[in-house]
Every structure is written in C-alpha cells, then in structure tokens.
Amino acid sequence: MAEGSWIAACQVDDIDPEDVVPFEHEGTDYAIYRSPADEFYATAGHCTHERELLCNGLVMDNIIECPKHNGRFDYATGEARGAPAIDDLQTYPVKVENGTVYLGIG
C-alpha cells in the first residue's frame, strides 16, 4: 500500500458521539472514535497491556477504558492514562468527507 493511503473505515452515522467502533483492514484491527465535540480519531484496535479489543471498551470524554483490566488511554493522543496500561497506543490520522470517515494508514 502506498504511503499516506486513505481507507474508508465507516460512515459518520455509524458512530454515536462519545463512542467507538471497530475497523479491520488487511488483518489489522483499528478503533475509530467520535468525541463529544463531533471530532473523529483512530488508534490501534488492541490494548497495549494484554491485546484486548478496545472497541468493547467504555468511552468517557476523550478516554477509552479497556474492557479487560480497565487500563485507560487518551484516544486523541494515544497516551496511556491508567494502569495496568503503561505503553501508549498507536494513533492514526482521520478525515471526514461526504459523511465517510477515512483512516490514514501506510
């Protein structure tokens, strides 16, 4: 895949404000978030602690809480914000065009 490729991940209406949805592309899991302020973000799809899928977690403001051990991350920056998670999440650029959320990968 060419560097800087944009992949259609979902529709804007697929994500409620203050929520997360999964997205899988070529065997890699991602998590797509919609903030309370209607901004969109993307991170790696698994917690850095024990690789639990984050799409099953709880979103509060700009924090995603892992469903397994309650590790927390700032989904806008990827910063680990609560034990047992200590390693930051990979983040990805996101853009919205014509109601479609695109994930920048590559």
Protein backbone atom coordinates (compact mmCIF):
# COMPACT_ATOMS: atom_id res chain seq x y z
CA MET A 1 0.00 0.00 0.00
CA ALA A 2 1.31 3.45 -0.86
CA GLU A 3 2.39 5.72 1.98
CA GLY A 4 -0.34 8.09 3.08
CA SER A 5 -3.21 5.99 1.77
CA TRP A 6 -6.73 6.82 2.98
CA ILE A 7 -9.11 3.92 3.60
CA ALA A 8 -12.86 4.33 4.09
CA ALA A 9 -13.45 3.00 7.61
CA CYS A 10 -17.12 3.74 8.31
CA GLN A 11 -19.88 6.29 7.95
CA VAL A 12 -20.19 9.23 10.33
CA ASP A 13 -23.62 7.92 11.39
CA ASP A 14 -22.10 4.55 12.37
CA ILE A 15 -20.56 6.12 15.49
CA ASP A 16 -22.52 7.87 18.20
CA PRO A 17 -20.84 10.80 19.98
CA GLU A 18 -18.63 9.54 22.81
CA ASP A 19 -18.37 6.04 21.33
CA VAL A 20 -16.02 3.68 19.49
CA VAL A 21 -16.41 1.21 16.60
CA PRO A 22 -14.05 -1.46 15.29
CA PHE A 23 -12.45 -1.39 11.86
CA GLU A 24 -10.32 -4.16 10.35
CA HIS A 25 -8.14 -3.76 7.29
CA GLU A 26 -5.77 -6.38 5.87
CA GLY A 27 -5.64 -8.29 9.16
CA THR A 28 -5.04 -5.26 11.38
CA ASP A 29 -7.59 -4.06 13.92
CA TYR A 30 -8.26 -0.36 14.49
CA ALA A 31 -10.61 1.57 16.76
CA ILE A 32 -12.46 4.63 15.42
CA TYR A 33 -13.78 7.16 17.95
CA ARG A 34 -16.24 10.06 17.87
CA SER A 35 -15.70 12.65 20.57
CA PRO A 36 -18.49 14.53 22.36
CA ALA A 37 -17.45 17.54 20.21
CA ASP A 38 -18.05 15.53 16.96
CA GLU A 39 -14.36 15.04 16.16
CA PHE A 40 -13.09 11.69 14.89
CA TYR A 41 -9.96 9.82 15.97
CA ALA A 42 -8.34 6.43 15.35
CA THR A 43 -5.99 4.20 17.32
CA ALA A 44 -4.67 0.68 17.21
CA GLY A 45 -7.53 -1.69 17.93
CA HIS A 46 -5.95 -3.55 20.85
CA CYS A 47 -4.96 -2.50 24.36
CA THR A 48 -1.18 -2.41 24.81
CA HIS A 49 -1.47 -4.34 28.09
CA GLU A 50 -2.97 -7.70 27.03
CA ARG A 51 -4.19 -7.03 23.48
CA GLU A 52 -7.91 -6.89 24.36
CA LEU A 53 -10.09 -5.30 21.65
CA LEU A 54 -10.74 -1.68 22.61
CA CYS A 55 -13.98 -1.48 20.61
CA ASN A 56 -15.59 -3.37 23.51
CA GLY A 57 -14.42 -0.73 25.99
CA LEU A 58 -16.07 2.26 27.57
CA VAL A 59 -15.59 5.76 26.12
CA MET A 60 -15.78 8.72 28.53
CA ASP A 61 -14.95 12.15 27.11
CA ASN A 62 -11.61 11.55 25.33
CA ILE A 63 -10.70 8.37 27.27
CA ILE A 64 -11.13 4.75 26.19
CA GLU A 65 -11.16 2.22 29.01
CA CYS A 66 -10.10 -1.32 28.16
CA PRO A 67 -12.84 -3.87 28.96
CA LYS A 68 -10.45 -6.44 30.42
CA HIS A 69 -8.38 -4.71 33.14
CA ASN A 70 -9.66 -1.12 32.91
CA GLY A 71 -6.45 0.35 31.50
CA ARG A 72 -7.14 3.81 30.12
CA PHE A 73 -5.88 5.76 27.13
CA ASP A 74 -6.41 9.24 25.72
CA TYR A 75 -7.65 8.26 22.27
CA ALA A 76 -6.70 11.64 20.76
CA THR A 77 -3.02 11.28 21.67
CA GLY A 78 -2.68 7.56 22.38
CA GLU A 79 -1.21 8.33 25.82
CA ALA A 80 -1.61 5.58 28.43
CA ARG A 81 -3.54 7.23 31.28
CA GLY A 82 -4.25 4.41 33.73
CA ALA A 83 -2.66 1.20 34.97
CA PRO A 84 -2.18 -1.52 34.09
CA ALA A 85 -1.64 0.06 30.65
CA ILE A 86 1.75 1.78 30.54
CA ASP A 87 2.57 1.70 26.81
CA ASP A 88 0.90 4.31 24.58
CA LEU A 89 -1.45 3.38 21.73
CA GLN A 90 -0.53 3.97 18.10
CA THR A 91 -2.74 6.74 16.66
CA TYR A 92 -3.69 7.34 13.03
CA PRO A 93 -4.86 10.39 11.09
CA VAL A 94 -8.57 10.62 10.31
CA LYS A 95 -10.51 12.76 7.87
CA VAL A 96 -14.21 13.04 7.12
CA GLU A 97 -15.52 13.66 3.62
CA ASN A 98 -19.13 13.49 2.48
CA GLY A 99 -20.23 11.57 5.55
CA THR A 100 -17.46 8.96 5.32
CA VAL A 101 -14.72 8.55 7.93
CA TYR A 102 -11.32 7.78 6.37
CA LEU A 103 -8.33 6.31 8.19
CA GLY A 104 -4.82 7.29 7.12
CA ILE A 105 -2.54 4.25 7.03
CA GLY A 106 0.51 3.17 5.14
